[in-house]
Amino acid sequence: MADDLGDEWWTQGDNLEVEEDTQPLTEEQSNKSTSKKRKGDKPIQEEDTQPLTEEQSNKSTSKKRKSEKKIQDGTKEKKKTVKKECFITEERSEEKGDKESNKNKKRRKKKKTITDVLTSSEPAPGSPADLMSLLKNHFSLTRSVIEQEDLTLKDSCFLSSNDLTHSLSSYLKEVCPKWAKIQKQHTQTQSVVLLIICGSALRTIDLIKQLIAFKGQAKVLKLFAKHIKVDDQIKSLSKGVTHIAVGTPGRIAALFEKEGLTVQGLRYLVLDWNYRDQKLRRMVDIPEVKEDLLKMMDRGLIQSCREGTFKIGLF
């Protein structure tokens, strides 16, 4: 048989094997081979290129956000520390300012006012020594020693002082027991027999009301600056006889200066010394009234009192 077939059989056999080897793969075979290769490569690809799940992606994003937040928080904390330092310095400065203000308040509280002194102690009645010390303290800065001696007043220049038990009428009855006779003898214009000095216009009106029991038929004139002109008061003093005048030291000093009021017929000068206002201040405790009183006394009143023309009483 081999001989009959000859060499072609062997060649055909070889060709068949080659054809079997080189025969193109069908689609099923190619798919199987590729699937085998993919199965062999799967563990490597799954490890390297397997897509992330939602939980893993959320975890990774949350980690990134946390890291970003830490960075932002770090920067914010730095800024906060800087701001805190600024606030601390400001707070310290404010605390220092508060402490200083509190110290000043404490120092101010330590200063006692007239009301504090009077509430803690009973007021004492005025005396001639109080008036003399007031005159000396004021004129010692502007007068020589010899001139200051001319300002001294003897005890005989003073009437008895009010002991805080009298009303104005009772005090004047004690001081001026012969008032009815003295009142009739007075006939001069631009002068008064009794001159009462007080600290305000309202106090002037109150004192005039208190004079009803004492004055009798005497004419009383109010002399203060509120709503009344100086010229009008000069005219009223020059027209008729005035026995009693009640007023403030500022207006009376102006009348003495313009010669609308003289000291010729004056017999009694009464100072409303012990009266205290709502703030418990006396007439001499108010700076403006005190200055006006000293000016009035310097208008010849001290010299006339030394000569014995009139006497001073502290009510």
Protein backbone atom coordinates (compact mmCIF):
# COMPACT_ATOMS: atom_id res chain seq x y z
CA MET A 1 0.00 0.00 0.00
CA ALA A 2 2.76 2.37 0.83
CA ASP A 3 4.37 1.62 -2.40
CA ASP A 4 1.21 2.13 -4.29
CA LEU A 5 0.61 5.47 -2.65
CA GLY A 6 4.13 6.45 -3.16
CA ASP A 7 5.69 9.46 -1.68
CA GLU A 8 2.54 11.46 -1.93
CA TRP A 9 1.08 9.79 1.14
CA TRP A 10 3.82 10.96 3.38
CA THR A 11 3.71 14.35 1.97
CA GLN A 12 0.00 14.43 2.30
CA GLY A 13 0.32 13.31 5.91
CA ASP A 14 2.75 16.06 6.67
CA ASN A 15 0.58 18.53 4.93
CA LEU A 16 -2.41 17.40 6.95
CA GLU A 17 -0.54 17.89 10.22
CA VAL A 18 0.60 21.31 9.10
CA GLU A 19 -2.92 22.08 8.02
CA GLU A 20 -4.20 20.87 11.39
CA ASP A 21 -1.63 23.05 13.10
CA THR A 22 -2.09 26.06 10.89
CA GLN A 23 -5.86 25.80 10.51
CA PRO A 24 -7.47 29.04 11.66
CA LEU A 25 -9.35 28.90 14.95
CA THR A 26 -13.06 29.17 14.95
CA GLU A 27 -14.88 31.88 16.92
CA GLU A 28 -15.74 29.52 19.78
CA GLN A 29 -12.15 28.42 20.11
CA SER A 30 -10.86 31.98 20.03
CA ASN A 31 -13.37 33.03 22.68
CA LYS A 32 -12.36 30.08 24.85
CA SER A 33 -8.68 30.91 24.54
CA THR A 34 -9.21 34.54 25.36
CA SER A 35 -11.41 33.57 28.28
CA LYS A 36 -8.68 31.29 29.59
CA LYS A 37 -6.13 34.05 29.27
CA ARG A 38 -8.46 36.46 31.01
CA LYS A 39 -9.06 34.00 33.81
CA GLY A 40 -5.34 33.68 34.26
CA ASP A 41 -4.92 37.45 34.29
CA LYS A 42 -7.95 38.19 36.50
CA PRO A 43 -6.30 38.12 39.94
CA ILE A 44 -3.59 40.57 38.79
CA GLN A 45 -6.08 42.90 37.06
CA GLU A 46 -8.55 42.70 39.97
CA GLU A 47 -5.78 43.68 42.33
CA ASP A 48 -4.53 46.55 40.14
CA THR A 49 -7.43 47.87 38.14
CA GLN A 50 -10.53 46.76 40.03
CA PRO A 51 -12.85 49.82 40.37
CA LEU A 52 -13.46 51.22 43.87
CA THR A 53 -16.77 50.66 45.55
CA GLU A 54 -18.98 53.50 46.89
CA GLU A 55 -17.95 52.91 50.52
CA GLN A 56 -14.26 52.99 49.60
CA SER A 57 -14.73 56.14 47.55
CA ASN A 58 -16.67 57.78 50.42
CA LYS A 59 -13.93 56.80 52.88
CA SER A 60 -11.23 58.23 50.62
CA THR A 61 -13.17 61.50 50.13
CA SER A 62 -13.86 61.73 53.87
CA LYS A 63 -10.15 61.26 54.59
CA LYS A 64 -9.30 63.99 52.12
CA ARG A 65 -11.86 66.31 53.66
CA LYS A 66 -10.58 65.57 57.16
CA SER A 67 -7.05 66.35 56.06
CA GLU A 68 -8.23 69.57 54.41
CA LYS A 69 -10.19 70.46 57.54
CA LYS A 70 -7.15 69.85 59.71
CA ILE A 71 -5.13 72.17 57.53
CA GLN A 72 -7.87 74.82 57.59
CA ASP A 73 -8.34 74.38 61.36
CA GLY A 74 -4.61 74.77 61.82
CA THR A 75 -4.63 78.05 59.93
CA LYS A 76 -7.74 79.20 61.79
CA GLU A 77 -6.17 78.35 65.13
CA LYS A 78 -3.15 80.41 64.23
CA LYS A 79 -5.39 83.32 63.32
CA LYS A 80 -7.39 82.83 66.50
CA THR A 81 -4.25 82.85 68.60
CA VAL A 82 -3.21 86.12 67.00
CA LYS A 83 -6.67 87.57 67.58
CA LYS A 84 -6.72 86.26 71.14
CA GLU A 85 -3.42 87.93 71.83
CA CYS A 86 -4.85 91.21 70.51
CA PHE A 87 -7.97 90.81 72.62
CA ILE A 88 -5.93 89.98 75.68
CA THR A 89 -3.93 93.17 75.32
CA GLU A 90 -7.11 95.15 74.79
CA GLU A 91 -8.77 93.49 77.77
CA ARG A 92 -5.74 94.21 79.92
CA SER A 93 -5.79 97.86 78.86
CA GLU A 94 -9.53 98.02 79.59
CA GLU A 95 -8.98 96.38 82.98
CA LYS A 96 -6.29 98.94 83.77
CA GLY A 97 -8.65 101.74 82.73
CA ASP A 98 -11.42 100.29 84.90
CA LYS A 99 -9.06 99.96 87.87
CA GLU A 100 -7.91 103.57 87.47
CA SER A 101 -11.51 104.80 87.19
CA ASN A 102 -12.43 102.79 90.29
CA LYS A 103 -9.49 104.30 92.16
CA ASN A 104 -10.58 107.79 91.10
CA LYS A 105 -14.13 107.01 92.22
CA LYS A 106 -12.84 105.81 95.59
CA ARG A 107 -10.77 108.96 95.94
CA ARG A 108 -13.79 111.08 95.07
CA LYS A 109 -15.90 109.21 97.57
CA LYS A 110 -13.38 109.96 100.30
CA LYS A 111 -13.97 113.70 99.88
CA LYS A 112 -16.74 114.68 102.25
CA THR A 113 -19.30 117.26 101.21
CA ILE A 114 -21.13 119.74 103.41
CA THR A 115 -24.17 117.47 103.52
CA ASP A 116 -22.04 114.52 104.72
CA VAL A 117 -20.53 116.58 107.51
CA LEU A 118 -23.87 117.98 108.63
CA THR A 119 -25.68 114.67 108.56
CA SER A 120 -23.01 113.17 110.80
CA SER A 121 -22.95 116.17 113.19
CA GLU A 122 -25.44 118.74 114.40
CA PRO A 123 -25.05 122.26 112.94
CA ALA A 124 -23.57 124.80 115.30
CA PRO A 125 -24.93 128.38 115.51
CA GLY A 126 -22.85 131.16 113.99
CA SER A 127 -20.79 133.46 116.15
CA PRO A 128 -18.92 136.77 115.64
CA ALA A 129 -15.66 134.79 115.52
CA ASP A 130 -16.91 133.02 112.36
CA LEU A 131 -17.46 136.33 110.60
CA MET A 132 -14.07 137.66 111.69
CA SER A 133 -12.26 134.55 110.42
CA LEU A 134 -14.08 134.87 107.11
CA LEU A 135 -12.95 138.49 106.72
CA LYS A 136 -9.37 137.72 107.70
CA ASN A 137 -9.05 134.74 105.35
CA HIS A 138 -10.35 136.79 102.44
CA PHE A 139 -8.46 140.05 102.93
CA SER A 140 -5.17 138.50 104.10
CA LEU A 141 -4.20 137.83 100.47
CA THR A 142 -4.76 141.40 99.27
CA ARG A 143 -4.22 143.59 102.36
CA SER A 144 -1.18 144.36 104.46
CA VAL A 145 -0.99 143.64 108.16
CA ILE A 146 -1.81 147.26 109.08
CA GLU A 147 -4.82 147.28 106.74
CA GLN A 148 -6.03 144.01 108.23
CA GLU A 149 -6.04 145.62 111.67
CA ASP A 150 -8.51 148.18 110.34
CA LEU A 151 -10.87 145.31 109.45
CA THR A 152 -11.07 143.88 112.96
CA LEU A 153 -14.38 144.31 114.77
CA LYS A 154 -14.74 144.41 118.56
CA ASP A 155 -17.33 142.46 120.49
CA SER A 156 -19.25 145.68 121.06
CA CYS A 157 -19.92 145.84 117.30
CA PHE A 158 -22.09 142.70 117.46
CA LEU A 159 -25.58 141.94 118.63
CA SER A 160 -26.42 138.69 120.38
CA SER A 161 -26.42 135.78 117.95
CA ASN A 162 -29.27 133.39 117.28
CA ASP A 163 -28.95 130.09 119.15
CA LEU A 164 -31.13 128.27 116.56
CA THR A 165 -34.22 128.51 118.80
CA HIS A 166 -35.58 131.86 117.57
CA SER A 167 -37.74 132.78 114.64
CA LEU A 168 -36.91 136.00 112.82
CA SER A 169 -39.61 138.00 114.64
CA SER A 170 -38.64 136.71 118.08
CA TYR A 171 -34.96 137.34 117.40
CA LEU A 172 -35.59 140.93 116.25
CA LYS A 173 -37.80 141.63 119.28
CA GLU A 174 -34.94 140.49 121.52
CA VAL A 175 -32.35 142.50 119.60
CA CYS A 176 -34.49 145.63 118.97
CA PRO A 177 -36.72 146.03 122.02
CA LYS A 178 -37.49 149.71 121.23
CA TRP A 179 -38.38 149.12 117.58
CA ALA A 180 -41.61 151.16 117.59
CA LYS A 181 -39.80 154.32 118.85
CA ILE A 182 -36.85 153.88 116.44
CA GLN A 183 -39.24 153.36 113.56
CA LYS A 184 -41.03 156.67 114.17
CA GLN A 185 -37.78 158.61 114.47
CA HIS A 186 -36.53 157.46 111.07
CA THR A 187 -37.31 160.07 108.38
CA GLN A 188 -34.41 159.76 105.91
CA THR A 189 -34.78 158.62 102.32
CA GLN A 190 -32.33 156.30 100.51
CA SER A 191 -31.60 154.61 103.80
CA VAL A 192 -33.13 152.00 106.12
CA VAL A 193 -33.06 151.32 109.85
CA LEU A 194 -32.88 147.52 109.58
CA LEU A 195 -31.04 145.77 106.75
CA ILE A 196 -31.37 141.98 106.48
CA ILE A 197 -28.98 140.08 104.16
CA CYS A 198 -29.87 136.60 102.85
CA GLY A 199 -28.66 134.27 100.09
CA SER A 200 -31.46 134.15 97.50
CA ALA A 201 -34.61 135.84 96.25
CA LEU A 202 -36.84 133.05 97.55
CA ARG A 203 -35.31 133.35 100.99
CA THR A 204 -35.95 137.11 100.84
CA ILE A 205 -39.67 136.56 100.32
CA ASP A 206 -39.80 134.01 103.17
CA LEU A 207 -38.12 136.45 105.56
CA ILE A 208 -40.50 139.26 104.61
CA LYS A 209 -43.41 136.97 105.48
CA GLN A 210 -41.83 136.24 108.86
CA LEU A 211 -41.57 139.99 109.61
CA ILE A 212 -45.36 140.44 109.91
CA ALA A 213 -45.32 139.94 113.68
CA PHE A 214 -42.47 142.41 114.16
CA LYS A 215 -42.65 145.23 111.64
CA GLY A 216 -45.83 146.92 112.80
CA GLN A 217 -46.41 149.93 110.54
CA ALA A 218 -42.91 149.86 109.09
CA LYS A 219 -42.41 149.87 105.34
CA VAL A 220 -40.51 146.86 103.99
CA LEU A 221 -38.67 146.77 100.66
CA LYS A 222 -37.27 143.70 98.89
CA LEU A 223 -33.88 144.22 97.26
CA PHE A 224 -32.81 141.40 94.95
CA ALA A 225 -31.85 141.17 91.29
CA LYS A 226 -34.57 138.81 90.08
CA HIS A 227 -37.07 140.58 87.76
CA ILE A 228 -36.27 143.98 89.35
CA LYS A 229 -33.95 146.61 87.87
CA VAL A 230 -31.48 148.58 89.99
CA ASP A 231 -32.86 151.93 88.77
CA ASP A 232 -36.38 151.01 89.83
CA GLN A 233 -35.15 150.13 93.30
CA ILE A 234 -33.23 153.42 93.54
CA LYS A 235 -36.40 155.32 92.65
CA SER A 236 -38.45 153.49 95.27
CA LEU A 237 -35.80 154.20 97.92
CA SER A 238 -35.66 157.91 97.06
CA LYS A 239 -39.43 158.48 96.88
CA GLY A 240 -40.39 157.65 100.45
CA VAL A 241 -39.12 156.49 103.81
CA THR A 242 -38.22 152.81 104.03
CA HIS A 243 -37.68 151.24 107.46
CA ILE A 244 -36.69 147.65 106.63
CA ALA A 245 -34.93 146.26 103.57
CA VAL A 246 -34.40 142.55 102.88
CA GLY A 247 -32.23 141.44 99.97
CA THR A 248 -29.22 139.64 98.53
CA PRO A 249 -25.65 140.91 99.00
CA GLY A 250 -25.02 141.30 95.27
CA ARG A 251 -27.89 143.75 94.70
CA ILE A 252 -27.28 145.65 97.95
CA ALA A 253 -23.58 146.07 97.04
CA ALA A 254 -24.68 147.46 93.63
CA LEU A 255 -27.02 149.93 95.38
CA PHE A 256 -24.21 151.07 97.69
CA GLU A 257 -21.94 151.51 94.68
CA LYS A 258 -24.50 153.68 92.82
CA GLU A 259 -25.35 155.57 96.03
CA GLY A 260 -28.96 154.53 95.79
CA LEU A 261 -28.63 153.23 99.37
CA THR A 262 -26.58 154.85 102.14
CA VAL A 263 -25.49 153.89 105.66
CA GLN A 264 -26.57 157.14 107.34
CA GLY A 265 -29.80 155.92 108.99
CA LEU A 266 -28.74 152.28 109.42
CA ARG A 267 -28.94 150.95 113.00
CA TYR A 268 -29.04 147.14 112.59
CA LEU A 269 -27.40 144.84 110.04
CA VAL A 270 -28.66 141.25 110.35
CA LEU A 271 -27.02 138.41 108.40
CA ASP A 272 -29.08 135.28 107.69
CA TRP A 273 -26.07 133.22 108.75
CA ASN A 274 -27.54 129.95 110.06
CA TYR A 275 -30.11 129.27 107.33
CA ARG A 276 -29.37 126.26 105.09
CA ASP A 277 -30.88 125.46 101.72
CA GLN A 278 -31.93 122.05 100.36
CA LYS A 279 -28.27 121.10 99.95
CA LEU A 280 -27.62 122.16 103.55
CA ARG A 281 -25.47 125.09 102.44
CA ARG A 282 -25.27 128.33 104.35
CA MET A 283 -25.04 131.71 102.71
CA VAL A 284 -21.26 131.77 103.13
CA ASP A 285 -20.92 128.23 101.72
CA ILE A 286 -22.05 129.36 98.25
CA PRO A 287 -19.03 130.91 96.48
CA GLU A 288 -20.95 133.56 94.51
CA VAL A 289 -22.94 134.77 97.52
CA LYS A 290 -19.83 134.73 99.68
CA GLU A 291 -17.93 136.98 97.25
CA ASP A 292 -20.86 139.40 97.03
CA LEU A 293 -21.11 139.53 100.82
CA LEU A 294 -17.41 140.37 101.19
CA LYS A 295 -17.70 143.07 98.51
CA MET A 296 -20.69 144.57 100.31
CA MET A 297 -18.83 144.59 103.64
CA ASP A 298 -15.92 146.33 101.93
CA ARG A 299 -18.19 149.18 100.72
CA GLY A 300 -17.72 151.13 103.95
CA LEU A 301 -19.83 148.87 106.16
CA ILE A 302 -16.88 147.61 108.23
CA GLN A 303 -15.62 151.13 108.86
CA SER A 304 -19.10 152.41 109.82
CA CYS A 305 -19.55 149.48 112.19
CA ARG A 306 -16.18 150.25 113.80
CA GLU A 307 -17.34 153.84 114.28
CA GLY A 308 -20.45 152.61 116.08
CA THR A 309 -23.16 153.74 113.66
CA PHE A 310 -24.78 150.27 113.56
CA LYS A 311 -24.36 146.76 114.95
CA ILE A 312 -24.17 143.35 113.26
CA GLY A 313 -26.31 140.38 114.25
CA LEU A 314 -26.03 136.77 113.09
CA PHE A 315 -29.46 135.18 112.75
